[in-house]
Amino acid sequence: MKKIICSLFACLMLSVPTVYADNDPILIMGELPTGPMRMPIPVTAWLNDGQLEITFITNVGIVDISVVNDKNVIVYQEDVDTDITSYVDVSTTSWSSGDYVLIFMLENGTRLSGMFSL
C-alpha cells in the first residue's frame, strides 16, 4: 500500500509544472547501478543570476556533468575531477527559455539528475 501511495505522489509531483527562480536549489535525485540511492547525495546545484552553481560536498572522483534541453540536445558537458575542484559555475545566459535536465555520472556508475527551467 505504501508503494502505491508513494508512486501516486511521485506521479502527481512530476505532473505539476515547476518554476525555478534565482537562488532556488535544484532537487538532485540519484540511482545506483543496483537501484535507488540510500546515501546522501554528494552534490548540490543552484540557479543564481544566470549561473548554474554546482558544489560537490564530498570527493567522488571524476564526474561527467551534462545539461540536456527539452529537445534532448546536450547544451553543456564537462568532466570534473572532484579531488581537484569542488565547485563548478556554468553560465546559462545564452541558453533559451525551457526545461533542462542536469545529469551527473559518477565513476562507480551512480547517476544523479535534477530538473530545472529557465
PDB file of N, CA and C in Angstrom:
ATOM      1  N   MET A   1       0.813  -1.189   0.000  1.00  0.00           N
ATOM      2  CA  MET A   1       0.000   0.000   0.000  1.00  0.00           C
ATOM      3  C   MET A   1       0.864   1.264   0.000  1.00  0.00           C
ATOM      4  N   LYS A   2       1.961   1.225   0.805  1.00  0.00           N
ATOM      5  CA  LYS A   2       2.856   2.380   0.853  1.00  0.00           C
ATOM      6  C   LYS A   2       3.463   2.661  -0.519  1.00  0.00           C
ATOM      7  N   LYS A   3       3.840   1.593  -1.251  1.00  0.00           N
ATOM      8  CA  LYS A   3       4.427   1.765  -2.578  1.00  0.00           C
ATOM      9  C   LYS A   3       3.446   2.430  -3.526  1.00  0.00           C
ATOM     10  N   ILE A   4       2.176   2.040  -3.453  1.00  0.00           N
ATOM     11  CA  ILE A   4       1.158   2.622  -4.330  1.00  0.00           C
ATOM     12  C   ILE A   4       0.988   4.100  -4.015  1.00  0.00           C
ATOM     13  N   ILE A   5       0.894   4.438  -2.737  1.00  0.00           N
ATOM     14  CA  ILE A   5       0.719   5.838  -2.348  1.00  0.00           C
ATOM     15  C   ILE A   5       1.932   6.660  -2.752  1.00  0.00           C
ATOM     16  N   CYS A   6       3.148   6.130  -2.526  1.00  0.00           N
ATOM     17  CA  CYS A   6       4.366   6.834  -2.913  1.00  0.00           C
ATOM     18  C   CYS A   6       4.430   7.024  -4.426  1.00  0.00           C
ATOM     19  N   SER A   7       4.044   6.002  -5.185  1.00  0.00           N
ATOM     20  CA  SER A   7       4.044   6.107  -6.646  1.00  0.00           C
ATOM     21  C   SER A   7       3.056   7.153  -7.125  1.00  0.00           C
ATOM     22  N   LEU A   8       1.877   7.172  -6.533  1.00  0.00           N
ATOM     23  CA  LEU A   8       0.884   8.174  -6.911  1.00  0.00           C
ATOM     24  C   LEU A   8       1.364   9.581  -6.581  1.00  0.00           C
ATOM     25  N   PHE A   9       1.984   9.747  -5.422  1.00  0.00           N
ATOM     26  CA  PHE A   9       2.512  11.041  -5.029  1.00  0.00           C
ATOM     27  C   PHE A   9       3.603  11.490  -5.992  1.00  0.00           C
ATOM     28  N   ALA A  10       4.500  10.566  -6.371  1.00  0.00           N
ATOM     29  CA  ALA A  10       5.576  10.890  -7.305  1.00  0.00           C
ATOM     30  C   ALA A  10       5.014  11.313  -8.659  1.00  0.00           C
ATOM     31  N   CYS A  11       4.017  10.605  -9.138  1.00  0.00           N
ATOM     32  CA  CYS A  11       3.386  10.961 -10.419  1.00  0.00           C
ATOM     33  C   CYS A  11       2.739  12.340 -10.340  1.00  0.00           C
ATOM     34  N   LEU A  12       2.093  12.625  -9.232  1.00  0.00           N
ATOM     35  CA  LEU A  12       1.458  13.932  -9.044  1.00  0.00           C
ATOM     36  C   LEU A  12       2.503  15.033  -9.055  1.00  0.00           C
ATOM     37  N   MET A  13       3.612  14.824  -8.345  1.00  0.00           N
ATOM     38  CA  MET A  13       4.662  15.834  -8.284  1.00  0.00           C
ATOM     39  C   MET A  13       5.300  16.062  -9.650  1.00  0.00           C
ATOM     40  N   LEU A  14       5.460  15.013 -10.439  1.00  0.00           N
ATOM     41  CA  LEU A  14       6.050  15.155 -11.760  1.00  0.00           C
ATOM     42  C   LEU A  14       5.113  15.833 -12.739  1.00  0.00           C
ATOM     43  N   SER A  15       3.809  15.758 -12.492  1.00  0.00           N
ATOM     44  CA  SER A  15       2.852  16.351 -13.415  1.00  0.00           C
ATOM     45  C   SER A  15       2.586  17.819 -13.121  1.00  0.00           C
ATOM     46  N   VAL A  16       3.038  18.318 -11.978  1.00  0.00           N
ATOM     47  CA  VAL A  16       2.833  19.721 -11.621  1.00  0.00           C
ATOM     48  C   VAL A  16       3.989  20.522 -12.187  1.00  0.00           C
ATOM     49  N   PRO A  17       3.691  21.557 -13.013  1.00  0.00           N
ATOM     50  CA  PRO A  17       4.780  22.362 -13.557  1.00  0.00           C
ATOM     51  C   PRO A  17       5.516  23.081 -12.423  1.00  0.00           C
ATOM     52  N   THR A  18       6.820  23.138 -12.541  1.00  0.00           N
ATOM     53  CA  THR A  18       7.628  23.785 -11.525  1.00  0.00           C
ATOM     54  C   THR A  18       8.372  24.952 -12.149  1.00  0.00           C
ATOM     55  N   VAL A  19       8.333  26.090 -11.502  1.00  0.00           N
ATOM     56  CA  VAL A  19       9.054  27.260 -11.973  1.00  0.00           C
ATOM     57  C   VAL A  19      10.169  27.526 -10.973  1.00  0.00           C
ATOM     58  N   TYR A  20      11.390  27.622 -11.458  1.00  0.00           N
ATOM     59  CA  TYR A  20      12.526  27.881 -10.604  1.00  0.00           C
ATOM     60  C   TYR A  20      12.968  29.324 -10.795  1.00  0.00           C
ATOM     61  N   ALA A  21      13.169  30.013  -9.730  1.00  0.00           N
ATOM     62  CA  ALA A  21      13.661  31.377  -9.778  1.00  0.00           C
ATOM     63  C   ALA A  21      15.110  31.377  -9.298  1.00  0.00           C
ATOM     64  N   ASP A  22      15.743  32.554  -9.386  1.00  0.00           N
ATOM     65  CA  ASP A  22      17.106  32.663  -8.888  1.00  0.00           C
ATOM     66  C   ASP A  22      17.166  32.263  -7.426  1.00  0.00           C
ATOM     67  N   ASN A  23      18.280  31.691  -7.056  1.00  0.00           N
ATOM     68  CA  ASN A  23      18.557  31.211  -5.704  1.00  0.00           C
ATOM     69  C   ASN A  23      17.710  30.007  -5.314  1.00  0.00           C
ATOM     70  N   ASP A  24      17.103  29.354  -6.270  1.00  0.00           N
ATOM     71  CA  ASP A  24      16.351  28.137  -5.979  1.00  0.00           C
ATOM     72  C   ASP A  24      17.267  26.936  -6.140  1.00  0.00           C
ATOM     73  N   PRO A  25      17.234  26.038  -5.164  1.00  0.00           N
ATOM     74  CA  PRO A  25      18.028  24.814  -5.327  1.00  0.00           C
ATOM     75  C   PRO A  25      17.388  23.899  -6.360  1.00  0.00           C
ATOM     76  N   ILE A  26      18.211  23.115  -7.018  1.00  0.00           N
ATOM     77  CA  ILE A  26      17.740  22.105  -7.954  1.00  0.00           C
ATOM     78  C   ILE A  26      17.727  20.792  -7.184  1.00  0.00           C
ATOM     79  N   LEU A  27      16.582  20.148  -7.140  1.00  0.00           N
ATOM     80  CA  LEU A  27      16.449  18.879  -6.430  1.00  0.00           C
ATOM     81  C   LEU A  27      17.204  17.802  -7.198  1.00  0.00           C
ATOM     82  N   ILE A  28      18.236  17.258  -6.573  1.00  0.00           N
ATOM     83  CA  ILE A  28      19.061  16.213  -7.183  1.00  0.00           C
ATOM     84  C   ILE A  28      18.653  14.871  -6.596  1.00  0.00           C
ATOM     85  N   MET A  29      18.350  13.926  -7.466  1.00  0.00           N
ATOM     86  CA  MET A  29      17.988  12.578  -7.035  1.00  0.00           C
ATOM     87  C   MET A  29      18.977  11.607  -7.675  1.00  0.00           C
ATOM     88  N   GLY A  30      19.164  10.451  -7.044  1.00  0.00           N
ATOM     89  CA  GLY A  30      20.180   9.543  -7.549  1.00  0.00           C
ATOM     90  C   GLY A  30      19.722   8.116  -7.690  1.00  0.00           C
ATOM     91  N   GLU A  31      20.463   7.400  -8.519  1.00  0.00           N
ATOM     92  CA  GLU A  31      20.208   5.980  -8.707  1.00  0.00           C
ATOM     93  C   GLU A  31      21.546   5.274  -8.893  1.00  0.00           C
ATOM     94  N   LEU A  32      21.781   4.307  -8.030  1.00  0.00           N
ATOM     95  CA  LEU A  32      22.965   3.461  -8.142  1.00  0.00           C
ATOM     96  C   LEU A  32      22.728   2.425  -9.226  1.00  0.00           C
ATOM     97  N   PRO A  33      23.789   1.794  -9.741  1.00  0.00           N
ATOM     98  CA  PRO A  33      23.592   0.740 -10.743  1.00  0.00           C
ATOM     99  C   PRO A  33      22.698  -0.394 -10.225  1.00  0.00           C
ATOM    100  N   THR A  34      22.601  -0.531  -8.898  1.00  0.00           N
ATOM    101  CA  THR A  34      21.808  -1.620  -8.317  1.00  0.00           C
ATOM    102  C   THR A  34      20.432  -1.175  -7.833  1.00  0.00           C
ATOM    103  N   GLY A  35      20.086   0.114  -7.982  1.00  0.00           N
ATOM    104  CA  GLY A  35      18.779   0.590  -7.533  1.00  0.00           C
ATOM    105  C   GLY A  35      18.846   1.991  -6.952  1.00  0.00           C
ATOM    106  N   PRO A  36      17.758   2.436  -6.305  1.00  0.00           N
ATOM    107  CA  PRO A  36      17.705   3.797  -5.764  1.00  0.00           C
ATOM    108  C   PRO A  36      18.797   4.050  -4.734  1.00  0.00           C
ATOM    109  N   MET A  37      19.238   5.307  -4.658  1.00  0.00           N
ATOM    110  CA  MET A  37      20.290   5.707  -3.732  1.00  0.00           C
ATOM    111  C   MET A  37      19.762   5.819  -2.325  1.00  0.00           C
ATOM    112  N   ARG A  38      20.514   5.335  -1.368  1.00  0.00           N
ATOM    113  CA  ARG A  38      20.138   5.452   0.032  1.00  0.00           C
ATOM    114  C   ARG A  38      21.169   6.237   0.832  1.00  0.00           C
ATOM    115  N   MET A  39      22.203   6.730   0.159  1.00  0.00           N
ATOM    116  CA  MET A  39      23.215   7.516   0.846  1.00  0.00           C
ATOM    117  C   MET A  39      22.985   8.990   0.533  1.00  0.00           C
ATOM    118  N   PRO A  40      23.609   9.891   1.277  1.00  0.00           N
ATOM    119  CA  PRO A  40      23.427  11.314   0.975  1.00  0.00           C
ATOM    120  C   PRO A  40      23.919  11.653  -0.431  1.00  0.00           C
ATOM    121  N   ILE A  41      23.207  12.533  -1.093  1.00  0.00           N
ATOM    122  CA  ILE A  41      23.595  12.996  -2.424  1.00  0.00           C
ATOM    123  C   ILE A  41      24.847  13.866  -2.258  1.00  0.00           C
ATOM    124  N   PRO A  42      25.941  13.570  -2.994  1.00  0.00           N
ATOM    125  CA  PRO A  42      27.204  14.283  -2.772  1.00  0.00           C
ATOM    126  C   PRO A  42      27.337  15.609  -3.512  1.00  0.00           C
ATOM    127  N   VAL A  43      26.234  16.151  -4.045  1.00  0.00           N
ATOM    128  CA  VAL A  43      26.322  17.374  -4.836  1.00  0.00           C
ATOM    129  C   VAL A  43      25.077  18.230  -4.618  1.00  0.00           C
ATOM    130  N   THR A  44      25.268  19.549  -4.687  1.00  0.00           N
ATOM    131  CA  THR A  44      24.147  20.486  -4.679  1.00  0.00           C
ATOM    132  C   THR A  44      24.249  21.348  -5.928  1.00  0.00           C
ATOM    133  N   ALA A  45      23.117  21.867  -6.384  1.00  0.00           N
ATOM    134  CA  ALA A  45      23.102  22.736  -7.558  1.00  0.00           C
ATOM    135  C   ALA A  45      22.053  23.823  -7.358  1.00  0.00           C
ATOM    136  N   TRP A  46      22.379  25.033  -7.800  1.00  0.00           N
ATOM    137  CA  TRP A  46      21.508  26.200  -7.663  1.00  0.00           C
ATOM    138  C   TRP A  46      21.534  27.015  -8.944  1.00  0.00           C
ATOM    139  N   LEU A  47      20.439  27.695  -9.216  1.00  0.00           N
ATOM    140  CA  LEU A  47      20.404  28.718 -10.258  1.00  0.00           C
ATOM    141  C   LEU A  47      20.534  30.061  -9.553  1.00  0.00           C
ATOM    142  N   ASN A  48      21.459  30.892 -10.046  1.00  0.00           N
ATOM    143  CA  ASN A  48      21.681  32.181  -9.397  1.00  0.00           C
ATOM    144  C   ASN A  48      22.203  33.189 -10.415  1.00  0.00           C
ATOM    145  N   ASP A  49      21.409  34.196 -10.735  1.00  0.00           N
ATOM    146  CA  ASP A  49      21.813  35.295 -11.626  1.00  0.00           C
ATOM    147  C   ASP A  49      22.439  34.817 -12.933  1.00  0.00           C
ATOM    148  N   GLY A  50      21.759  33.931 -13.636  1.00  0.00           N
ATOM    149  CA  GLY A  50      22.244  33.454 -14.926  1.00  0.00           C
ATOM    150  C   GLY A  50      23.370  32.447 -14.829  1.00  0.00           C
ATOM    151  N   GLN A  51      23.567  31.882 -13.644  1.00  0.00           N
ATOM    152  CA  GLN A  51      24.614  30.895 -13.435  1.00  0.00           C
ATOM    153  C   GLN A  51      24.022  29.628 -12.836  1.00  0.00           C
ATOM    154  N   LEU A  52      24.510  28.503 -13.274  1.00  0.00           N
ATOM    155  CA  LEU A  52      24.210  27.215 -12.661  1.00  0.00           C
ATOM    156  C   LEU A  52      25.404  26.918 -11.757  1.00  0.00           C
ATOM    157  N   GLU A  53      25.179  26.943 -10.447  1.00  0.00           N
ATOM    158  CA  GLU A  53      26.254  26.766  -9.483  1.00  0.00           C
ATOM    159  C   GLU A  53      26.185  25.355  -8.906  1.00  0.00           C
ATOM    160  N   ILE A  54      27.261  24.595  -9.084  1.00  0.00           N
ATOM    161  CA  ILE A  54      27.330  23.199  -8.659  1.00  0.00           C
ATOM    162  C   ILE A  54      28.431  23.061  -7.621  1.00  0.00           C
ATOM    163  N   THR A  55      28.098  22.444  -6.486  1.00  0.00           N
ATOM    164  CA  THR A  55      29.083  22.220  -5.426  1.00  0.00           C
ATOM    165  C   THR A  55      29.082  20.750  -5.042  1.00  0.00           C
ATOM    166  N   PHE A  56      30.267  20.150  -5.055  1.00  0.00           N
ATOM    167  CA  PHE A  56      30.413  18.763  -4.618  1.00  0.00           C
ATOM    168  C   PHE A  56      30.732  18.762  -3.137  1.00  0.00           C
ATOM    169  N   ILE A  57      29.886  18.108  -2.344  1.00  0.00           N
ATOM    170  CA  ILE A  57      30.024  18.067  -0.891  1.00  0.00           C
ATOM    171  C   ILE A  57      31.187  17.161  -0.496  1.00  0.00           C
ATOM    172  N   THR A  58      31.374  16.074  -1.228  1.00  0.00           N
ATOM    173  CA  THR A  58      32.461  15.132  -0.969  1.00  0.00           C
ATOM    174  C   THR A  58      33.181  14.830  -2.281  1.00  0.00           C
ATOM    175  N   ASN A  59      34.405  14.352  -2.167  1.00  0.00           N
ATOM    176  CA  ASN A  59      35.152  13.936  -3.349  1.00  0.00           C
ATOM    177  C   ASN A  59      34.604  12.592  -3.822  1.00  0.00           C
ATOM    178  N   VAL A  60      34.200  12.552  -5.088  1.00  0.00           N
ATOM    179  CA  VAL A  60      33.664  11.315  -5.663  1.00  0.00           C
ATOM    180  C   VAL A  60      34.410  10.919  -6.934  1.00  0.00           C
ATOM    181  N   GLY A  61      35.613  11.479  -7.127  1.00  0.00           N
ATOM    182  CA  GLY A  61      36.400  11.155  -8.307  1.00  0.00           C
ATOM    183  C   GLY A  61      35.984  11.986  -9.507  1.00  0.00           C
ATOM    184  N   ILE A  62      36.146  11.427 -10.671  1.00  0.00           N
ATOM    185  CA  ILE A  62      35.797  12.137 -11.907  1.00  0.00           C
ATOM    186  C   ILE A  62      34.304  11.979 -12.172  1.00  0.00           C
ATOM    187  N   VAL A  63      33.654  13.108 -12.443  1.00  0.00           N
ATOM    188  CA  VAL A  63      32.211  13.141 -12.678  1.00  0.00           C
ATOM    189  C   VAL A  63      31.958  13.762 -14.049  1.00  0.00           C
ATOM    190  N   ASP A  64      31.141  13.101 -14.841  1.00  0.00           N
ATOM    191  CA  ASP A  64      30.695  13.661 -16.119  1.00  0.00           C
ATOM    192  C   ASP A  64      29.441  14.478 -15.842  1.00  0.00           C
ATOM    193  N   ILE A  65      29.505  15.790 -16.084  1.00  0.00           N
ATOM    194  CA  ILE A  65      28.361  16.675 -15.882  1.00  0.00           C
ATOM    195  C   ILE A  65      27.797  17.029 -17.255  1.00  0.00           C
ATOM    196  N   SER A  66      26.494  16.841 -17.426  1.00  0.00           N
ATOM    197  CA  SER A  66      25.824  17.203 -18.677  1.00  0.00           C
ATOM    198  C   SER A  66      24.543  17.945 -18.366  1.00  0.00           C
ATOM    199  N   VAL A  67      24.173  18.851 -19.268  1.00  0.00           N
ATOM    200  CA  VAL A  67      22.869  19.504 -19.209  1.00  0.00           C
ATOM    201  C   VAL A  67      22.210  19.277 -20.557  1.00  0.00           C
ATOM    202  N   VAL A  68      20.984  18.750 -20.517  1.00  0.00           N
ATOM    203  CA  VAL A  68      20.237  18.416 -21.727  1.00  0.00           C
ATOM    204  C   VAL A  68      18.976  19.266 -21.752  1.00  0.00           C
ATOM    205  N   ASN A  69      18.676  19.864 -22.917  1.00  0.00           N
ATOM    206  CA  ASN A  69      17.465  20.689 -23.007  1.00  0.00           C
ATOM    207  C   ASN A  69      16.234  19.845 -23.329  1.00  0.00           C
ATOM    208  N   ASP A  70      15.086  20.506 -23.449  1.00  0.00           N
ATOM    209  CA  ASP A  70      13.832  19.783 -23.663  1.00  0.00           C
ATOM    210  C   ASP A  70      13.709  19.186 -25.065  1.00  0.00           C
ATOM    211  N   LYS A  71      14.689  19.459 -25.930  1.00  0.00           N
ATOM    212  CA  LYS A  71      14.731  18.834 -27.257  1.00  0.00           C
ATOM    213  C   LYS A  71      15.739  17.683 -27.272  1.00  0.00           C
ATOM    214  N   ASN A  72      16.219  17.306 -26.066  1.00  0.00           N
ATOM    215  CA  ASN A  72      17.172  16.218 -25.871  1.00  0.00           C
ATOM    216  C   ASN A  72      18.531  16.508 -26.513  1.00  0.00           C
ATOM    217  N   VAL A  73      18.912  17.789 -26.516  1.00  0.00           N
ATOM    218  CA  VAL A  73      20.203  18.222 -27.043  1.00  0.00           C
ATOM    219  C   VAL A  73      21.100  18.601 -25.865  1.00  0.00           C
ATOM    220  N   ILE A  74      22.334  18.115 -25.887  1.00  0.00           N
ATOM    221  CA  ILE A  74      23.282  18.461 -24.826  1.00  0.00           C
ATOM    222  C   ILE A  74      23.736  19.905 -25.048  1.00  0.00           C
ATOM    223  N   VAL A  75      23.479  20.767 -24.062  1.00  0.00           N
ATOM    224  CA  VAL A  75      23.884  22.172 -24.160  1.00  0.00           C
ATOM    225  C   VAL A  75      25.140  22.450 -23.351  1.00  0.00           C
ATOM    226  N   TYR A  76      25.512  21.500 -22.496  1.00  0.00           N
ATOM    227  CA  TYR A  76      26.730  21.647 -21.691  1.00  0.00           C
ATOM    228  C   TYR A  76      27.215  20.255 -21.313  1.00  0.00           C
ATOM    229  N   GLN A  77      28.549  20.065 -21.368  1.00  0.00           N
ATOM    230  CA  GLN A  77      29.134  18.791 -20.946  1.00  0.00           C
ATOM    231  C   GLN A  77      30.562  19.067 -20.508  1.00  0.00           C
ATOM    232  N   GLU A  78      30.923  18.502 -19.346  1.00  0.00           N
ATOM    233  CA  GLU A  78      32.281  18.658 -18.828  1.00  0.00           C
ATOM    234  C   GLU A  78      32.586  17.504 -17.874  1.00  0.00           C
ATOM    235  N   ASP A  79      33.819  17.024 -17.912  1.00  0.00           N
ATOM    236  CA  ASP A  79      34.298  16.064 -16.923  1.00  0.00           C
ATOM    237  C   ASP A  79      35.022  16.854 -15.843  1.00  0.00           C
ATOM    238  N   VAL A  80      34.665  16.598 -14.584  1.00  0.00           N
ATOM    239  CA  VAL A  80      35.235  17.324 -13.458  1.00  0.00           C
ATOM    240  C   VAL A  80      35.871  16.329 -12.493  1.00  0.00           C
ATOM    241  N   ASP A  81      37.097  16.610 -12.077  1.00  0.00           N
ATOM    242  CA  ASP A  81      37.769  15.794 -11.075  1.00  0.00           C
ATOM    243  C   ASP A  81      37.491  16.434  -9.714  1.00  0.00           C
ATOM    244  N   THR A  82      36.614  15.815  -8.947  1.00  0.00           N
ATOM    245  CA  THR A  82      36.205  16.396  -7.663  1.00  0.00           C
ATOM    246  C   THR A  82      37.299  16.302  -6.611  1.00  0.00           C
ATOM    247  N   ASP A  83      38.390  15.572  -6.887  1.00  0.00           N
ATOM    248  CA  ASP A  83      39.542  15.576  -5.992  1.00  0.00           C
ATOM    249  C   ASP A  83      40.317  16.894  -6.124  1.00  0.00           C
ATOM    250  N   ILE A  84      40.155  17.564  -7.262  1.00  0.00           N
ATOM    251  CA  ILE A  84      40.859  18.821  -7.526  1.00  0.00           C
ATOM    252  C   ILE A  84      39.960  20.032  -7.292  1.00  0.00           C
ATOM    253  N   THR A  85      38.709  19.943  -7.732  1.00  0.00           N
ATOM    254  CA  THR A  85      37.790  21.070  -7.584  1.00  0.00           C
ATOM    255  C   THR A  85      36.461  20.593  -7.019  1.00  0.00           C
ATOM    256  N   SER A  86      35.866  21.418  -6.180  1.00  0.00           N
ATOM    257  CA  SER A  86      34.567  21.052  -5.602  1.00  0.00           C
ATOM    258  C   SER A  86      33.459  21.979  -6.098  1.00  0.00           C
ATOM    259  N   TYR A  87      33.795  22.936  -6.977  1.00  0.00           N
ATOM    260  CA  TYR A  87      32.813  23.926  -7.402  1.00  0.00           C
ATOM    261  C   TYR A  87      32.887  24.124  -8.914  1.00  0.00           C
ATOM    262  N   VAL A  88      31.720  24.146  -9.560  1.00  0.00           N
ATOM    263  CA  VAL A  88      31.627  24.406 -10.996  1.00  0.00           C
ATOM    264  C   VAL A  88      30.567  25.470 -11.197  1.00  0.00           C
ATOM    265  N   ASP A  89      30.881  26.476 -12.001  1.00  0.00           N
ATOM    266  CA  ASP A  89      29.965  27.578 -12.290  1.00  0.00           C
ATOM    267  C   ASP A  89      29.736  27.602 -13.804  1.00  0.00           C
ATOM    268  N   VAL A  90      28.485  27.438 -14.234  1.00  0.00           N
ATOM    269  CA  VAL A  90      28.153  27.354 -15.655  1.00  0.00           C
ATOM    270  C   VAL A  90      27.221  28.505 -16.010  1.00  0.00           C
ATOM    271  N   SER A  91      27.595  29.303 -17.000  1.00  0.00           N
ATOM    272  CA  SER A  91      26.734  30.396 -17.443  1.00  0.00           C
ATOM    273  C   SER A  91      25.548  29.838 -18.239  1.00  0.00           C
ATOM    274  N   THR A  92      24.348  30.303 -17.891  1.00  0.00           N
ATOM    275  CA  THR A  92      23.137  29.884 -18.605  1.00  0.00           C
ATOM    276  C   THR A  92      22.547  31.039 -19.413  1.00  0.00           C
ATOM    277  N   THR A  93      23.249  32.160 -19.481  1.00  0.00           N
ATOM    278  CA  THR A  93      22.681  33.352 -20.113  1.00  0.00           C
ATOM    279  C   THR A  93      22.427  33.186 -21.607  1.00  0.00           C
ATOM    280  N   SER A  94      23.164  32.322 -22.286  1.00  0.00           N
ATOM    281  CA  SER A  94      22.953  32.131 -23.724  1.00  0.00           C
ATOM    282  C   SER A  94      21.948  31.017 -24.027  1.00  0.00           C
ATOM    283  N   TRP A  95      21.461  30.326 -23.006  1.00  0.00           N
ATOM    284  CA  TRP A  95      20.513  29.245 -23.216  1.00  0.00           C
ATOM    285  C   TRP A  95      19.114  29.819 -23.361  1.00  0.00           C
ATOM    286  N   SER A  96      18.307  29.203 -24.199  1.00  0.00           N
ATOM    287  CA  SER A  96      16.928  29.663 -24.396  1.00  0.00           C
ATOM    288  C   SER A  96      16.045  29.221 -23.222  1.00  0.00           C
ATOM    289  N   SER A  97      14.905  29.879 -23.104  1.00  0.00           N
ATOM    290  CA  SER A  97      13.938  29.501 -22.066  1.00  0.00           C
ATOM    291  C   SER A  97      13.450  28.089 -22.330  1.00  0.00           C
ATOM    292  N   GLY A  98      13.206  27.356 -21.264  1.00  0.00           N
ATOM    293  CA  GLY A  98      12.718  25.988 -21.415  1.00  0.00           C
ATOM    294  C   GLY A  98      13.105  25.136 -20.228  1.00  0.00           C
ATOM    295  N   ASP A  99      12.858  23.842 -20.363  1.00  0.00           N
ATOM    296  CA  ASP A  99      13.153  22.873 -19.309  1.00  0.00           C
ATOM    297  C   ASP A  99      14.484  22.188 -19.611  1.00  0.00           C
ATOM    298  N   TYR A 100      15.235  21.909 -18.556  1.00  0.00           N
ATOM    299  CA  TYR A 100      16.547  21.293 -18.677  1.00  0.00           C
ATOM    300  C   TYR A 100      16.696  20.185 -17.646  1.00  0.00           C
ATOM    301  N   VAL A 101      17.568  19.222 -17.961  1.00  0.00           N
ATOM    302  CA  VAL A 101      17.912  18.159 -17.021  1.00  0.00           C
ATOM    303  C   VAL A 101      19.423  18.227 -16.798  1.00  0.00           C
ATOM    304  N   LEU A 102      19.810  18.298 -15.530  1.00  0.00           N
ATOM    305  CA  LEU A 102      21.205  18.291 -15.117  1.00  0.00           C
ATOM    306  C   LEU A 102      21.552  16.855 -14.737  1.00  0.00           C
ATOM    307  N   ILE A 103      22.586  16.289 -15.357  1.00  0.00           N
ATOM    308  CA  ILE A 103      22.926  14.874 -15.157  1.00  0.00           C
ATOM    309  C   ILE A 103      24.378  14.754 -14.692  1.00  0.00           C
ATOM    310  N   PHE A 104      24.575  13.970 -13.646  1.00  0.00           N
ATOM    311  CA  PHE A 104      25.908  13.657 -13.138  1.00  0.00           C
ATOM    312  C   PHE A 104      26.108  12.147 -13.258  1.00  0.00           C
ATOM    313  N   MET A 105      27.183  11.724 -13.904  1.00  0.00           N
ATOM    314  CA  MET A 105      27.542  10.307 -13.970  1.00  0.00           C
ATOM    315  C   MET A 105      28.849  10.133 -13.212  1.00  0.00           C
ATOM    316  N   LEU A 106      28.780   9.402 -12.093  1.00  0.00           N
ATOM    317  CA  LEU A 106      29.947   9.166 -11.264  1.00  0.00           C
ATOM    318  C   LEU A 106      30.704   7.938 -11.758  1.00  0.00           C
ATOM    319  N   GLU A 107      31.965   7.849 -11.379  1.00  0.00           N
ATOM    320  CA  GLU A 107      32.824   6.736 -11.813  1.00  0.00           C
ATOM    321  C   GLU A 107      32.272   5.376 -11.432  1.00  0.00           C
ATOM    322  N   ASN A 108      31.573   5.281 -10.303  1.00  0.00           N
ATOM    323  CA  ASN A 108      31.071   3.980  -9.841  1.00  0.00           C
ATOM    324  C   ASN A 108      29.751   3.581 -10.515  1.00  0.00           C
ATOM    325  N   GLY A 109      29.302   4.370 -11.502  1.00  0.00           N
ATOM    326  CA  GLY A 109      28.085   4.050 -12.218  1.00  0.00           C
ATOM    327  C   GLY A 109      26.835   4.723 -11.661  1.00  0.00           C
ATOM    328  N   THR A 110      26.997   5.471 -10.568  1.00  0.00           N
ATOM    329  CA  THR A 110      25.868   6.192  -9.991  1.00  0.00           C
ATOM    330  C   THR A 110      25.456   7.317 -10.927  1.00  0.00           C
ATOM    331  N   ARG A 111      24.144   7.449 -11.122  1.00  0.00           N
ATOM    332  CA  ARG A 111      23.596   8.529 -11.956  1.00  0.00           C
ATOM    333  C   ARG A 111      22.761   9.434 -11.056  1.00  0.00           C
ATOM    334  N   LEU A 112      23.084  10.713 -11.068  1.00  0.00           N
ATOM    335  CA  LEU A 112      22.333  11.718 -10.339  1.00  0.00           C
ATOM    336  C   LEU A 112      21.742  12.675 -11.358  1.00  0.00           C
ATOM    337  N   SER A 113      20.549  13.176 -11.086  1.00  0.00           N
ATOM    338  CA  SER A 113      19.946  14.115 -12.018  1.00  0.00           C
ATOM    339  C   SER A 113      18.972  15.036 -11.304  1.00  0.00           C
ATOM    340  N   GLY A 114      18.739  16.177 -11.921  1.00  0.00           N
ATOM    341  CA  GLY A 114      17.777  17.141 -11.414  1.00  0.00           C
ATOM    342  C   GLY A 114      17.233  17.955 -12.572  1.00  0.00           C
ATOM    343  N   MET A 115      16.013  18.425 -12.432  1.00  0.00           N
ATOM    344  CA  MET A 115      15.367  19.206 -13.488  1.00  0.00           C
ATOM    345  C   MET A 115      15.274  20.666 -13.058  1.00  0.00           C
ATOM    346  N   PHE A 116      15.379  21.563 -14.056  1.00  0.00           N
ATOM    347  CA  PHE A 116      15.188  22.984 -13.794  1.00  0.00           C
ATOM    348  C   PHE A 116      14.681  23.664 -15.060  1.00  0.00           C
ATOM    349  N   SER A 117      14.155  24.861 -14.885  1.00  0.00           N
ATOM    350  CA  SER A 117      13.619  25.630 -16.006  1.00  0.00           C
ATOM    351  C   SER A 117      14.248  27.008 -16.019  1.00  0.00           C
ATOM    352  N   LEU A 118      14.428  27.537 -17.228  1.00  0.00           N
ATOM    353  CA  LEU A 118      14.902  28.903 -17.398  1.00  0.00           C
ATOM    354  C   LEU A 118      13.807  29.734 -18.014  1.00  0.00           C
TER     355      LEU A 118
END
